[in-house]
Amino acid sequence: MTSEKKPLRRAPRGVMSDKPLYTRLTSNERDEVLRVSDAERCSASSIVRRLVLLGLSVYKAQAGSRS
């Protein structure tokens, strides 16, 4: 009896994978992201998503302290 394989999910549930955001990096920035992704053993996109979420939380905290 064979079991059906579910497709591998690379992004968390709810992530809009059909509407990507593109960003431009310098070659040094890109190399650093790739080094981190190798060390973490995950995709560069996953690392960039984590960095964006971290940056958003820092931005919100700073914006909240200014108002």
Protein backbone atom coordinates (compact mmCIF):
# COMPACT_ATOMS: atom_id res chain seq x y z
CA MET A 1 0.00 0.00 0.00
CA THR A 2 1.44 3.37 -0.96
CA SER A 3 0.77 6.55 0.93
CA GLU A 4 0.31 9.86 -0.82
CA LYS A 5 3.12 12.31 -0.33
CA LYS A 6 2.07 15.79 0.66
CA PRO A 7 3.87 18.63 -1.11
CA LEU A 8 6.77 20.06 0.87
CA ARG A 9 5.85 23.41 2.44
CA ARG A 10 8.79 25.75 2.56
CA ALA A 11 6.92 28.77 3.87
CA PRO A 12 4.75 29.06 6.98
CA ARG A 13 0.99 28.77 6.52
CA GLY A 14 -0.57 31.96 5.25
CA VAL A 15 2.53 33.27 3.49
CA MET A 16 1.62 34.69 0.10
CA SER A 17 4.07 32.81 -2.07
CA ASP A 18 2.33 33.96 -5.25
CA LYS A 19 3.04 37.66 -4.51
CA PRO A 20 6.78 38.01 -3.84
CA LEU A 21 8.50 41.24 -2.88
CA TYR A 22 11.80 41.85 -4.57
CA THR A 23 14.73 43.66 -3.03
CA ARG A 24 18.11 44.67 -4.30
CA LEU A 25 21.25 43.99 -2.32
CA THR A 26 24.87 44.83 -2.83
CA SER A 27 27.09 41.88 -3.60
CA ASN A 28 28.49 42.03 -0.05
CA GLU A 29 24.99 42.02 1.47
CA ARG A 30 23.95 39.11 -0.74
CA ASP A 31 27.08 37.15 0.18
CA GLU A 32 26.34 37.72 3.87
CA VAL A 33 22.74 36.52 3.49
CA LEU A 34 24.00 33.42 1.67
CA ARG A 35 26.57 32.73 4.41
CA VAL A 36 23.85 32.96 7.05
CA SER A 37 21.51 30.73 5.04
CA ASP A 38 24.27 28.12 4.69
CA ALA A 39 24.99 28.24 8.42
CA GLU A 40 21.27 27.96 9.27
CA ARG A 41 20.76 25.31 6.59
CA CYS A 42 17.74 27.05 5.09
CA SER A 43 16.98 29.10 2.02
CA ALA A 44 18.14 32.65 1.47
CA SER A 45 14.48 33.66 1.08
CA SER A 46 13.72 32.28 4.53
CA ILE A 47 16.60 34.26 6.05
CA VAL A 48 15.53 37.46 4.30
CA ARG A 49 11.96 36.94 5.55
CA ARG A 50 13.23 36.55 9.13
CA LEU A 51 15.36 39.67 8.77
CA VAL A 52 12.43 41.68 7.43
CA LEU A 53 10.20 40.56 10.30
CA LEU A 54 12.92 41.39 12.82
CA GLY A 55 13.49 44.77 11.19
CA LEU A 56 9.76 45.53 11.24
CA SER A 57 9.55 44.83 14.95
CA VAL A 58 12.53 47.13 15.62
CA TYR A 59 11.02 49.81 13.37
CA LYS A 60 7.67 49.63 15.18
CA ALA A 61 9.36 49.85 18.59
CA GLN A 62 11.36 52.90 17.51
CA ALA A 63 8.34 54.54 15.89
CA GLY A 64 6.31 53.95 19.04
CA SER A 65 8.95 55.57 21.23
CA ARG A 66 8.98 58.68 19.04
CA SER A 67 5.25 59.35 19.33
